[in-house]
Amino acid sequence: MKKEFMVNRQGKDFVLYAGLLDQAHREGLKRITTSLIQAPSDTNGHLAICHAEVETEKGIFTGIGDACPENVGRMIVPHITRMAETRAKARALRDAINVGVTALEELGDVEEDSSMYGPSRRPARPMAALAQPVPSPSHAESAAPGEGHSMPATQQQIDRLHKLQAALGQAAMVSSTMTSEEAATRIAELVRQFNAQSRQAARAQAR
């Protein structure tokens, strides 16, 4: 990894997403594909979840990234979905090129790079393409505060849960009585499990 792509904060090293992408190209990056697993809404705490798939000459690597007002800097809040996508790509790229150092963009207090998410500057996405468009909020997701609690889980949420369960090697099981709020909570929980497993795998590869 080139030194200009490394950042030291409070004695700990972090890598920039741009550095991961640069190194991946050097190691035979073929494609990066991303898809939106969950769009942020009032009913899920404005939590955006994205899935990324990276293909190199060594194989296919995946990552899931999440972003919400509680885990991003205040200037990134209007751009939560794009930050979730960047984090997903960063995690997939780290596994692909065997980098155990956390990406700076994965931190929750990064503000200095927020300009790259402004309206006049979109993140550069060489070889990247959204696998599916951002879905419009469903009736349950767009319900007024207090109305969504009794709404059943949407088909989109059920599909997201099945994808996450498959990624974690779990049986695809969703209760027929699950509410939209319960589904959103479960999705967030599975994302945390996936990211924890990814970090453990990256540390194991780095040894």
N, C-alpha and C. Protein backbone atom coordinates (compact mmCIF):
# COMPACT_ATOMS: atom_id res chain seq x y z
N MET A 1 0.84 -1.19 0.00
CA MET A 1 0.00 0.00 0.00
C MET A 1 0.89 1.25 0.00
N LYS A 2 0.58 2.19 -0.89
CA LYS A 2 1.36 3.42 -0.97
C LYS A 2 1.17 4.25 0.31
N LYS A 3 2.26 4.90 0.73
CA LYS A 3 2.22 5.66 1.98
C LYS A 3 1.21 6.80 1.94
N GLU A 4 1.00 7.39 0.75
CA GLU A 4 0.08 8.53 0.70
C GLU A 4 -1.37 8.12 0.97
N PHE A 5 -1.64 6.82 0.96
CA PHE A 5 -2.98 6.34 1.23
C PHE A 5 -3.16 5.86 2.68
N MET A 6 -2.15 6.08 3.50
CA MET A 6 -2.22 5.70 4.91
C MET A 6 -2.37 6.94 5.77
N VAL A 7 -3.21 6.86 6.78
CA VAL A 7 -3.46 7.98 7.69
C VAL A 7 -3.30 7.48 9.13
N ASN A 8 -2.62 8.28 9.95
CA ASN A 8 -2.44 7.92 11.35
C ASN A 8 -3.30 8.84 12.20
N ARG A 9 -4.15 8.23 13.02
CA ARG A 9 -5.00 9.01 13.92
C ARG A 9 -4.82 8.47 15.33
N GLN A 10 -4.35 9.34 16.20
CA GLN A 10 -4.13 8.98 17.61
C GLN A 10 -3.30 7.71 17.75
N GLY A 11 -2.24 7.63 16.92
CA GLY A 11 -1.30 6.53 17.01
C GLY A 11 -1.73 5.25 16.32
N LYS A 12 -2.87 5.27 15.63
CA LYS A 12 -3.35 4.07 14.93
C LYS A 12 -3.44 4.34 13.44
N ASP A 13 -3.00 3.38 12.64
CA ASP A 13 -3.00 3.54 11.19
C ASP A 13 -4.33 3.14 10.57
N PHE A 14 -4.74 3.92 9.57
CA PHE A 14 -5.94 3.63 8.79
C PHE A 14 -5.61 3.79 7.32
N VAL A 15 -6.35 3.09 6.48
CA VAL A 15 -6.12 3.19 5.05
C VAL A 15 -7.30 3.94 4.42
N LEU A 16 -7.00 4.71 3.38
CA LEU A 16 -8.05 5.42 2.66
C LEU A 16 -8.70 4.50 1.64
N TYR A 17 -9.98 4.71 1.38
CA TYR A 17 -10.68 3.90 0.38
C TYR A 17 -9.97 4.01 -0.97
N ALA A 18 -9.50 5.21 -1.30
CA ALA A 18 -8.80 5.41 -2.57
C ALA A 18 -7.58 4.50 -2.68
N GLY A 19 -6.92 4.27 -1.55
CA GLY A 19 -5.75 3.39 -1.56
C GLY A 19 -6.13 1.94 -1.78
N LEU A 20 -7.24 1.51 -1.19
CA LEU A 20 -7.72 0.15 -1.40
C LEU A 20 -8.05 -0.07 -2.87
N LEU A 21 -8.71 0.91 -3.47
CA LEU A 21 -9.09 0.79 -4.87
C LEU A 21 -7.86 0.78 -5.76
N ASP A 22 -6.89 1.64 -5.45
CA ASP A 22 -5.66 1.69 -6.23
C ASP A 22 -4.91 0.36 -6.17
N GLN A 23 -4.79 -0.20 -4.98
CA GLN A 23 -4.08 -1.47 -4.82
C GLN A 23 -4.84 -2.61 -5.49
N ALA A 24 -6.16 -2.56 -5.42
CA ALA A 24 -6.97 -3.61 -6.05
C ALA A 24 -6.76 -3.60 -7.56
N HIS A 25 -6.69 -2.44 -8.15
CA HIS A 25 -6.42 -2.34 -9.59
C HIS A 25 -5.06 -2.94 -9.92
N ARG A 26 -4.10 -2.71 -9.04
CA ARG A 26 -2.76 -3.26 -9.26
C ARG A 26 -2.75 -4.79 -9.16
N GLU A 27 -3.72 -5.33 -8.41
CA GLU A 27 -3.76 -6.78 -8.20
C GLU A 27 -4.82 -7.47 -9.06
N GLY A 28 -5.25 -6.80 -10.12
CA GLY A 28 -6.14 -7.45 -11.07
C GLY A 28 -7.63 -7.31 -10.77
N LEU A 29 -8.06 -6.12 -10.31
CA LEU A 29 -9.48 -5.90 -10.06
C LEU A 29 -10.27 -6.04 -11.35
N LYS A 30 -11.31 -6.85 -11.32
CA LYS A 30 -12.15 -7.06 -12.50
C LYS A 30 -13.46 -6.27 -12.42
N ARG A 31 -14.07 -6.26 -11.25
CA ARG A 31 -15.33 -5.53 -11.12
C ARG A 31 -15.67 -5.29 -9.65
N ILE A 32 -16.52 -4.28 -9.44
CA ILE A 32 -17.12 -4.03 -8.13
C ILE A 32 -18.61 -3.83 -8.38
N THR A 33 -19.42 -4.60 -7.71
CA THR A 33 -20.87 -4.48 -7.85
C THR A 33 -21.48 -4.22 -6.48
N THR A 34 -22.38 -3.26 -6.41
CA THR A 34 -23.02 -2.96 -5.14
C THR A 34 -24.53 -3.01 -5.27
N SER A 35 -25.20 -3.30 -4.18
CA SER A 35 -26.66 -3.28 -4.16
C SER A 35 -27.13 -2.75 -2.82
N LEU A 36 -28.26 -2.09 -2.83
CA LEU A 36 -28.84 -1.53 -1.61
C LEU A 36 -29.71 -2.58 -0.95
N ILE A 37 -29.35 -2.99 0.26
CA ILE A 37 -30.12 -3.99 1.00
C ILE A 37 -31.25 -3.32 1.76
N GLN A 38 -30.97 -2.16 2.34
CA GLN A 38 -32.02 -1.44 3.07
C GLN A 38 -31.87 0.05 2.87
N ALA A 39 -32.95 0.69 2.43
CA ALA A 39 -32.95 2.14 2.27
C ALA A 39 -33.27 2.79 3.61
N PRO A 40 -32.64 3.90 3.94
CA PRO A 40 -32.92 4.57 5.22
C PRO A 40 -34.32 5.15 5.24
N SER A 41 -35.00 5.00 6.37
CA SER A 41 -36.35 5.56 6.52
C SER A 41 -36.62 5.82 7.99
N ASP A 42 -37.74 6.45 8.28
CA ASP A 42 -38.11 6.75 9.66
C ASP A 42 -38.30 5.47 10.47
N THR A 43 -38.80 4.41 9.82
CA THR A 43 -39.13 3.19 10.57
C THR A 43 -37.92 2.35 10.93
N ASN A 44 -36.76 2.60 10.29
CA ASN A 44 -35.57 1.80 10.62
C ASN A 44 -34.44 2.65 11.18
N GLY A 45 -34.78 3.84 11.69
CA GLY A 45 -33.76 4.69 12.28
C GLY A 45 -32.83 5.30 11.26
N HIS A 46 -33.29 5.42 10.01
CA HIS A 46 -32.49 5.98 8.92
C HIS A 46 -31.18 5.21 8.74
N LEU A 47 -31.30 3.88 8.83
CA LEU A 47 -30.15 3.00 8.65
C LEU A 47 -30.09 2.50 7.22
N ALA A 48 -29.01 2.84 6.51
CA ALA A 48 -28.79 2.36 5.15
C ALA A 48 -27.82 1.19 5.20
N ILE A 49 -28.14 0.14 4.46
CA ILE A 49 -27.29 -1.05 4.42
C ILE A 49 -27.02 -1.41 2.96
N CYS A 50 -25.75 -1.55 2.61
CA CYS A 50 -25.37 -1.89 1.24
C CYS A 50 -24.50 -3.15 1.23
N HIS A 51 -24.59 -3.87 0.14
CA HIS A 51 -23.78 -5.07 -0.07
C HIS A 51 -22.86 -4.82 -1.25
N ALA A 52 -21.62 -5.23 -1.14
CA ALA A 52 -20.65 -5.06 -2.22
C ALA A 52 -20.01 -6.39 -2.57
N GLU A 53 -19.75 -6.57 -3.84
CA GLU A 53 -19.07 -7.78 -4.31
C GLU A 53 -17.89 -7.35 -5.18
N VAL A 54 -16.72 -7.82 -4.82
CA VAL A 54 -15.49 -7.48 -5.54
C VAL A 54 -14.92 -8.74 -6.18
N GLU A 55 -14.60 -8.64 -7.46
CA GLU A 55 -14.00 -9.78 -8.14
C GLU A 55 -12.59 -9.41 -8.60
N THR A 56 -11.63 -10.22 -8.23
CA THR A 56 -10.25 -10.06 -8.66
C THR A 56 -9.77 -11.37 -9.27
N GLU A 57 -8.52 -11.41 -9.65
CA GLU A 57 -7.97 -12.64 -10.20
C GLU A 57 -7.92 -13.75 -9.16
N LYS A 58 -8.05 -13.38 -7.87
CA LYS A 58 -7.99 -14.37 -6.80
C LYS A 58 -9.36 -14.92 -6.43
N GLY A 59 -10.42 -14.31 -6.93
CA GLY A 59 -11.76 -14.79 -6.62
C GLY A 59 -12.74 -13.67 -6.34
N ILE A 60 -13.84 -14.02 -5.68
CA ILE A 60 -14.90 -13.06 -5.38
C ILE A 60 -14.97 -12.84 -3.87
N PHE A 61 -15.06 -11.57 -3.47
CA PHE A 61 -15.08 -11.20 -2.07
C PHE A 61 -16.27 -10.26 -1.83
N THR A 62 -16.89 -10.39 -0.67
CA THR A 62 -18.07 -9.59 -0.39
C THR A 62 -17.92 -8.80 0.91
N GLY A 63 -18.73 -7.79 1.04
CA GLY A 63 -18.73 -7.00 2.27
C GLY A 63 -20.06 -6.29 2.42
N ILE A 64 -20.44 -6.01 3.64
CA ILE A 64 -21.67 -5.27 3.92
C ILE A 64 -21.29 -4.02 4.71
N GLY A 65 -21.86 -2.91 4.31
CA GLY A 65 -21.60 -1.66 5.01
C GLY A 65 -22.90 -1.01 5.47
N ASP A 66 -22.89 -0.41 6.63
CA ASP A 66 -24.08 0.26 7.13
C ASP A 66 -23.73 1.68 7.54
N ALA A 67 -24.70 2.54 7.48
CA ALA A 67 -24.50 3.93 7.90
C ALA A 67 -25.82 4.49 8.40
N CYS A 68 -25.75 5.23 9.49
CA CYS A 68 -26.94 5.87 10.05
C CYS A 68 -26.46 7.15 10.75
N PRO A 69 -27.35 8.02 11.15
CA PRO A 69 -26.93 9.27 11.79
C PRO A 69 -26.04 9.07 13.02
N GLU A 70 -26.14 7.90 13.68
CA GLU A 70 -25.37 7.64 14.89
C GLU A 70 -23.95 7.18 14.60
N ASN A 71 -23.64 6.72 13.38
CA ASN A 71 -22.28 6.22 13.13
C ASN A 71 -21.58 6.91 11.97
N VAL A 72 -22.04 8.13 11.64
CA VAL A 72 -21.32 8.94 10.65
C VAL A 72 -21.17 10.35 11.20
N GLY A 73 -20.24 11.12 10.65
CA GLY A 73 -20.08 12.51 11.05
C GLY A 73 -21.29 13.32 10.62
N ARG A 74 -21.53 14.42 11.29
CA ARG A 74 -22.75 15.20 11.05
C ARG A 74 -22.86 15.70 9.61
N MET A 75 -21.73 15.96 8.93
CA MET A 75 -21.80 16.45 7.56
C MET A 75 -22.06 15.33 6.57
N ILE A 76 -21.94 14.08 7.02
CA ILE A 76 -22.20 12.94 6.14
C ILE A 76 -23.65 12.49 6.23
N VAL A 77 -24.37 12.94 7.25
CA VAL A 77 -25.75 12.49 7.48
C VAL A 77 -26.63 12.60 6.23
N PRO A 78 -26.55 13.68 5.44
CA PRO A 78 -27.41 13.75 4.25
C PRO A 78 -27.02 12.73 3.17
N HIS A 79 -25.88 12.07 3.34
CA HIS A 79 -25.38 11.18 2.30
C HIS A 79 -25.16 9.77 2.85
N ILE A 80 -26.07 9.34 3.72
CA ILE A 80 -25.93 8.06 4.43
C ILE A 80 -25.83 6.88 3.47
N THR A 81 -26.67 6.85 2.44
CA THR A 81 -26.67 5.70 1.53
C THR A 81 -25.33 5.55 0.82
N ARG A 82 -24.78 6.67 0.37
CA ARG A 82 -23.49 6.60 -0.32
C ARG A 82 -22.36 6.21 0.63
N MET A 83 -22.45 6.63 1.89
CA MET A 83 -21.43 6.21 2.86
C MET A 83 -21.54 4.72 3.13
N ALA A 84 -22.76 4.20 3.23
CA ALA A 84 -22.94 2.76 3.43
C ALA A 84 -22.34 1.98 2.26
N GLU A 85 -22.51 2.49 1.04
CA GLU A 85 -21.96 1.83 -0.13
C GLU A 85 -20.43 1.86 -0.09
N THR A 86 -19.86 3.02 0.27
CA THR A 86 -18.41 3.13 0.35
C THR A 86 -17.85 2.17 1.38
N ARG A 87 -18.50 2.06 2.54
CA ARG A 87 -18.03 1.16 3.58
C ARG A 87 -18.11 -0.30 3.12
N ALA A 88 -19.19 -0.64 2.41
CA ALA A 88 -19.34 -2.01 1.91
C ALA A 88 -18.21 -2.33 0.93
N LYS A 89 -17.93 -1.41 0.03
CA LYS A 89 -16.86 -1.63 -0.95
C LYS A 89 -15.50 -1.71 -0.26
N ALA A 90 -15.30 -0.84 0.74
CA ALA A 90 -14.01 -0.85 1.44
C ALA A 90 -13.78 -2.20 2.12
N ARG A 91 -14.81 -2.75 2.75
CA ARG A 91 -14.65 -4.03 3.45
C ARG A 91 -14.41 -5.18 2.48
N ALA A 92 -15.10 -5.15 1.34
CA ALA A 92 -14.88 -6.19 0.34
C ALA A 92 -13.48 -6.07 -0.25
N LEU A 93 -13.04 -4.85 -0.50
CA LEU A 93 -11.71 -4.63 -1.07
C LEU A 93 -10.62 -5.04 -0.09
N ARG A 94 -10.83 -4.78 1.20
CA ARG A 94 -9.82 -5.15 2.20
C ARG A 94 -9.62 -6.66 2.22
N ASP A 95 -10.71 -7.41 2.12
CA ASP A 95 -10.58 -8.87 2.08
C ASP A 95 -9.91 -9.32 0.78
N ALA A 96 -10.26 -8.65 -0.32
CA ALA A 96 -9.74 -9.05 -1.62
C ALA A 96 -8.24 -8.88 -1.73
N ILE A 97 -7.70 -7.81 -1.11
CA ILE A 97 -6.26 -7.56 -1.23
C ILE A 97 -5.52 -7.82 0.09
N ASN A 98 -6.23 -8.47 1.03
CA ASN A 98 -5.62 -8.90 2.29
C ASN A 98 -5.05 -7.74 3.10
N VAL A 99 -5.90 -6.76 3.36
CA VAL A 99 -5.52 -5.61 4.18
C VAL A 99 -6.33 -5.67 5.48
N GLY A 100 -5.65 -5.82 6.60
CA GLY A 100 -6.31 -5.91 7.88
C GLY A 100 -6.53 -4.57 8.56
N VAL A 101 -6.01 -3.50 7.96
CA VAL A 101 -6.14 -2.15 8.54
C VAL A 101 -7.52 -1.59 8.18
N THR A 102 -8.20 -1.04 9.15
CA THR A 102 -9.52 -0.46 8.93
C THR A 102 -9.44 0.74 8.00
N ALA A 103 -10.43 0.89 7.14
CA ALA A 103 -10.49 2.05 6.25
C ALA A 103 -10.96 3.27 7.04
N LEU A 104 -10.40 4.41 6.73
CA LEU A 104 -10.78 5.64 7.43
C LEU A 104 -12.27 5.92 7.29
N GLU A 105 -12.81 5.58 6.13
CA GLU A 105 -14.23 5.84 5.87
C GLU A 105 -15.15 5.00 6.75
N GLU A 106 -14.61 3.98 7.39
CA GLU A 106 -15.43 3.14 8.26
C GLU A 106 -15.62 3.77 9.65
N LEU A 107 -14.84 4.79 9.96
CA LEU A 107 -14.96 5.44 11.27
C LEU A 107 -16.22 6.29 11.32
N GLY A 108 -16.74 6.47 12.53
CA GLY A 108 -17.98 7.19 12.68
C GLY A 108 -17.84 8.69 12.86
N ASP A 109 -16.61 9.19 12.95
CA ASP A 109 -16.45 10.61 13.22
C ASP A 109 -15.69 11.34 12.13
N VAL A 110 -15.64 10.76 10.92
CA VAL A 110 -14.88 11.37 9.83
C VAL A 110 -15.68 12.52 9.23
N GLU A 111 -15.11 13.70 9.23
CA GLU A 111 -15.77 14.88 8.66
C GLU A 111 -14.96 15.48 7.52
N GLU A 112 -13.64 15.34 7.59
CA GLU A 112 -12.80 16.08 6.66
C GLU A 112 -12.98 15.72 5.21
N ASP A 113 -13.47 14.47 4.94
CA ASP A 113 -13.66 14.06 3.56
C ASP A 113 -15.12 14.19 3.13
N SER A 114 -15.93 14.89 3.92
CA SER A 114 -17.35 14.95 3.63
C SER A 114 -17.65 15.67 2.32
N SER A 115 -16.75 16.54 1.84
CA SER A 115 -17.01 17.28 0.62
C SER A 115 -17.17 16.36 -0.58
N MET A 116 -16.57 15.18 -0.51
CA MET A 116 -16.67 14.26 -1.63
C MET A 116 -18.09 13.72 -1.80
N TYR A 117 -18.95 13.94 -0.78
CA TYR A 117 -20.33 13.47 -0.88
C TYR A 117 -21.29 14.62 -1.13
N GLY A 118 -20.75 15.80 -1.39
CA GLY A 118 -21.60 16.95 -1.65
C GLY A 118 -22.28 16.85 -3.00
N PRO A 119 -23.25 17.76 -3.28
CA PRO A 119 -24.02 17.67 -4.52
C PRO A 119 -23.20 17.88 -5.77
N SER A 120 -22.06 18.59 -5.67
CA SER A 120 -21.26 18.85 -6.86
C SER A 120 -20.16 17.84 -7.08
N ARG A 121 -19.93 16.95 -6.09
CA ARG A 121 -18.86 15.96 -6.23
C ARG A 121 -19.34 14.61 -5.74
N ARG A 122 -19.64 13.71 -6.64
CA ARG A 122 -20.05 12.36 -6.29
C ARG A 122 -18.82 11.48 -6.15
N PRO A 123 -18.86 10.42 -5.34
CA PRO A 123 -17.71 9.54 -5.20
C PRO A 123 -17.35 8.91 -6.53
N ALA A 124 -16.06 8.88 -6.85
CA ALA A 124 -15.60 8.23 -8.07
C ALA A 124 -15.84 6.74 -7.95
N ARG A 125 -16.41 6.12 -9.01
CA ARG A 125 -16.73 4.71 -8.94
C ARG A 125 -16.21 3.97 -10.17
N PRO A 126 -14.89 3.94 -10.39
CA PRO A 126 -14.39 3.20 -11.52
C PRO A 126 -14.77 1.74 -11.39
N MET A 127 -15.29 1.19 -12.46
CA MET A 127 -15.67 -0.22 -12.54
C MET A 127 -16.79 -0.57 -11.58
N ALA A 128 -17.45 0.43 -10.97
CA ALA A 128 -18.52 0.13 -10.02
C ALA A 128 -19.86 0.41 -10.66
N ALA A 129 -20.86 -0.38 -10.31
CA ALA A 129 -22.20 -0.17 -10.84
C ALA A 129 -23.20 -0.68 -9.82
N LEU A 130 -24.26 0.08 -9.63
CA LEU A 130 -25.30 -0.37 -8.71
C LEU A 130 -26.03 -1.53 -9.35
N ALA A 131 -26.13 -2.62 -8.61
CA ALA A 131 -26.79 -3.80 -9.14
C ALA A 131 -28.30 -3.61 -9.21
N GLN A 132 -28.83 -2.71 -8.41
CA GLN A 132 -30.26 -2.46 -8.46
C GLN A 132 -30.50 -1.03 -8.01
N PRO A 133 -31.57 -0.38 -8.50
CA PRO A 133 -31.84 1.00 -8.12
C PRO A 133 -32.29 1.09 -6.68
N VAL A 134 -32.17 2.29 -6.13
CA VAL A 134 -32.65 2.50 -4.76
C VAL A 134 -34.15 2.34 -4.76
N PRO A 135 -34.69 1.41 -3.98
CA PRO A 135 -36.13 1.17 -3.99
C PRO A 135 -36.88 2.32 -3.35
N SER A 136 -38.07 2.58 -3.85
CA SER A 136 -38.91 3.60 -3.23
C SER A 136 -39.43 3.05 -1.92
N PRO A 137 -39.55 3.88 -0.89
CA PRO A 137 -40.03 3.40 0.39
C PRO A 137 -41.40 2.73 0.23
N SER A 138 -41.56 1.58 0.88
CA SER A 138 -42.83 0.89 0.82
C SER A 138 -43.83 1.59 1.73
N HIS A 139 -45.07 1.12 1.71
CA HIS A 139 -46.09 1.73 2.56
C HIS A 139 -45.68 1.66 4.02
N ALA A 140 -45.13 0.50 4.44
CA ALA A 140 -44.74 0.33 5.84
C ALA A 140 -43.59 1.25 6.18
N GLU A 141 -42.66 1.44 5.22
CA GLU A 141 -41.48 2.24 5.51
C GLU A 141 -41.80 3.72 5.51
N SER A 142 -42.90 4.13 4.81
CA SER A 142 -43.22 5.54 4.72
C SER A 142 -44.34 5.94 5.67
N ALA A 143 -44.74 5.03 6.52
CA ALA A 143 -45.83 5.32 7.46
C ALA A 143 -45.42 6.40 8.43
N ALA A 144 -46.40 7.11 8.92
CA ALA A 144 -46.13 8.17 9.89
C ALA A 144 -45.64 7.56 11.19
N PRO A 145 -44.88 8.34 12.00
CA PRO A 145 -44.37 7.82 13.27
C PRO A 145 -45.49 7.21 14.09
N GLY A 146 -45.23 5.99 14.60
CA GLY A 146 -46.21 5.33 15.42
C GLY A 146 -47.10 4.37 14.65
N GLU A 147 -47.20 4.55 13.28
CA GLU A 147 -48.05 3.68 12.50
C GLU A 147 -47.33 2.44 12.04
N GLY A 148 -45.99 2.51 11.91
CA GLY A 148 -45.25 1.40 11.35
C GLY A 148 -45.04 0.25 12.31
N HIS A 149 -45.29 0.46 13.60
CA HIS A 149 -44.98 -0.57 14.59
C HIS A 149 -45.82 -1.83 14.39
N SER A 150 -47.10 -1.68 13.93
CA SER A 150 -47.96 -2.84 13.78
C SER A 150 -48.01 -3.36 12.36
N MET A 151 -47.30 -2.71 11.45
CA MET A 151 -47.30 -3.14 10.06
C MET A 151 -46.46 -4.40 9.92
N PRO A 152 -46.89 -5.35 9.08
CA PRO A 152 -46.10 -6.57 8.87
C PRO A 152 -44.83 -6.25 8.09
N ALA A 153 -43.84 -7.11 8.20
CA ALA A 153 -42.59 -6.93 7.45
C ALA A 153 -42.90 -6.92 5.96
N THR A 154 -42.24 -6.04 5.22
CA THR A 154 -42.47 -5.96 3.78
C THR A 154 -41.71 -7.09 3.08
N GLN A 155 -42.08 -7.34 1.83
CA GLN A 155 -41.40 -8.37 1.06
C GLN A 155 -39.93 -8.00 0.86
N GLN A 156 -39.66 -6.70 0.69
CA GLN A 156 -38.28 -6.24 0.53
C GLN A 156 -37.47 -6.57 1.77
N GLN A 157 -38.04 -6.34 2.96
CA GLN A 157 -37.33 -6.64 4.19
C GLN A 157 -37.10 -8.15 4.32
N ILE A 158 -38.09 -8.94 3.96
CA ILE A 158 -37.94 -10.40 4.03
C ILE A 158 -36.83 -10.87 3.09
N ASP A 159 -36.80 -10.29 1.88
CA ASP A 159 -35.74 -10.64 0.92
C ASP A 159 -34.37 -10.26 1.46
N ARG A 160 -34.29 -9.10 2.12
CA ARG A 160 -33.01 -8.65 2.68
C ARG A 160 -32.55 -9.59 3.79
N LEU A 161 -33.50 -10.00 4.62
CA LEU A 161 -33.15 -10.94 5.70
C LEU A 161 -32.65 -12.26 5.13
N HIS A 162 -33.30 -12.76 4.09
CA HIS A 162 -32.86 -14.01 3.48
C HIS A 162 -31.44 -13.89 2.92
N LYS A 163 -31.13 -12.74 2.28
CA LYS A 163 -29.79 -12.53 1.74
C LYS A 163 -28.74 -12.53 2.84
N LEU A 164 -29.05 -11.83 3.92
CA LEU A 164 -28.10 -11.74 5.03
C LEU A 164 -27.93 -13.09 5.71
N GLN A 165 -29.02 -13.82 5.88
CA GLN A 165 -28.93 -15.14 6.49
C GLN A 165 -28.09 -16.08 5.64
N ALA A 166 -28.26 -15.99 4.32
CA ALA A 166 -27.47 -16.82 3.41
C ALA A 166 -25.99 -16.46 3.50
N ALA A 167 -25.70 -15.15 3.59
CA ALA A 167 -24.31 -14.70 3.67
C ALA A 167 -23.64 -15.18 4.96
N LEU A 168 -24.44 -15.35 6.01
CA LEU A 168 -23.92 -15.79 7.30
C LEU A 168 -23.99 -17.31 7.47
N GLY A 169 -24.49 -17.99 6.44
CA GLY A 169 -24.59 -19.44 6.52
C GLY A 169 -25.72 -19.91 7.41
N GLN A 170 -26.72 -19.07 7.61
CA GLN A 170 -27.85 -19.41 8.45
C GLN A 170 -29.03 -19.86 7.60
N ALA A 171 -29.94 -20.61 8.20
CA ALA A 171 -31.15 -21.04 7.49
C ALA A 171 -32.02 -19.82 7.21
N ALA A 172 -32.62 -19.79 6.03
CA ALA A 172 -33.47 -18.67 5.64
C ALA A 172 -34.82 -18.80 6.33
N MET A 173 -34.93 -18.18 7.50
CA MET A 173 -36.16 -18.29 8.29
C MET A 173 -36.62 -16.91 8.75
N VAL A 174 -37.84 -16.56 8.38
CA VAL A 174 -38.43 -15.30 8.81
C VAL A 174 -39.85 -15.60 9.29
N SER A 175 -40.17 -15.20 10.50
CA SER A 175 -41.48 -15.46 11.06
C SER A 175 -42.57 -14.76 10.26
N SER A 176 -43.66 -15.43 10.06
CA SER A 176 -44.78 -14.86 9.30
C SER A 176 -45.46 -13.73 10.07
N THR A 177 -45.19 -13.64 11.37
CA THR A 177 -45.81 -12.59 12.19
C THR A 177 -44.85 -11.43 12.46
N MET A 178 -43.67 -11.44 11.85
CA MET A 178 -42.69 -10.38 12.09
C MET A 178 -43.21 -9.04 11.58
N THR A 179 -43.03 -8.00 12.40
CA THR A 179 -43.45 -6.66 12.01
C THR A 179 -42.32 -5.96 11.26
N SER A 180 -42.66 -4.85 10.63
CA SER A 180 -41.67 -4.07 9.89
C SER A 180 -40.56 -3.58 10.81
N GLU A 181 -40.95 -3.13 12.01
CA GLU A 181 -39.95 -2.64 12.97
C GLU A 181 -39.03 -3.77 13.43
N GLU A 182 -39.61 -4.95 13.69
CA GLU A 182 -38.81 -6.09 14.11
C GLU A 182 -37.85 -6.52 12.99
N ALA A 183 -38.32 -6.45 11.75
CA ALA A 183 -37.48 -6.83 10.61
C ALA A 183 -36.30 -5.87 10.48
N ALA A 184 -36.55 -4.57 10.66
CA ALA A 184 -35.48 -3.58 10.58
C ALA A 184 -34.43 -3.82 11.66
N THR A 185 -34.89 -4.15 12.87
CA THR A 185 -33.97 -4.43 13.97
C THR A 185 -33.15 -5.69 13.68
N ARG A 186 -33.81 -6.72 13.14
CA ARG A 186 -33.12 -7.97 12.83
C ARG A 186 -32.09 -7.78 11.72
N ILE A 187 -32.42 -6.98 10.73
CA ILE A 187 -31.50 -6.69 9.63
C ILE A 187 -30.24 -6.03 10.17
N ALA A 188 -30.42 -5.03 11.05
CA ALA A 188 -29.27 -4.34 11.63
C ALA A 188 -28.41 -5.30 12.44
N GLU A 189 -29.05 -6.23 13.16
CA GLU A 189 -28.32 -7.20 13.97
C GLU A 189 -27.49 -8.13 13.08
N LEU A 190 -28.07 -8.60 11.97
CA LEU A 190 -27.35 -9.49 11.06
C LEU A 190 -26.19 -8.78 10.37
N VAL A 191 -26.37 -7.50 10.09
CA VAL A 191 -25.28 -6.72 9.49
C VAL A 191 -24.10 -6.64 10.44
N ARG A 192 -24.39 -6.42 11.74
CA ARG A 192 -23.31 -6.37 12.72
C ARG A 192 -22.59 -7.71 12.81
N GLN A 193 -23.34 -8.81 12.74
CA GLN A 193 -22.73 -10.14 12.78
C GLN A 193 -21.84 -10.36 11.56
N PHE A 194 -22.32 -9.95 10.40
CA PHE A 194 -21.55 -10.13 9.17
C PHE A 194 -20.26 -9.34 9.22
N ASN A 195 -20.35 -8.09 9.67
CA ASN A 195 -19.16 -7.26 9.74
C ASN A 195 -18.16 -7.80 10.75
N ALA A 196 -18.65 -8.34 11.88
CA ALA A 196 -17.76 -8.92 12.88
C ALA A 196 -17.02 -10.13 12.30
N GLN A 197 -17.73 -10.96 11.55
CA GLN A 197 -17.09 -12.12 10.92
C GLN A 197 -16.06 -11.68 9.89
N SER A 198 -16.39 -10.62 9.14
CA SER A 198 -15.46 -10.12 8.13
C SER A 198 -14.17 -9.61 8.77
N ARG A 199 -14.33 -8.91 9.90
CA ARG A 199 -13.14 -8.39 10.59
C ARG A 199 -12.29 -9.53 11.13
N GLN A 200 -12.92 -10.57 11.66
CA GLN A 200 -12.18 -11.72 12.17
C GLN A 200 -11.43 -12.43 11.04
N ALA A 201 -12.09 -12.57 9.89
CA ALA A 201 -11.46 -13.23 8.75
C ALA A 201 -10.26 -12.41 8.25
N ALA A 202 -10.43 -11.09 8.23
CA ALA A 202 -9.34 -10.23 7.77
C ALA A 202 -8.13 -10.32 8.71
N ARG A 203 -8.40 -10.37 10.04
CA ARG A 203 -7.31 -10.48 11.00
C ARG A 203 -6.61 -11.83 10.85
N ALA A 204 -7.39 -12.88 10.60
CA ALA A 204 -6.80 -14.20 10.44
C ALA A 204 -5.91 -14.26 9.21
N GLN A 205 -6.35 -13.62 8.12
CA GLN A 205 -5.55 -13.62 6.90
C GLN A 205 -4.27 -12.82 7.06
N ALA A 206 -4.34 -11.78 7.94
CA ALA A 206 -3.18 -10.90 8.10
C ALA A 206 -2.08 -11.56 8.94
N ARG A 207 -2.41 -12.63 9.66
CA ARG A 207 -1.42 -13.30 10.52
C ARG A 207 -0.46 -14.15 9.70
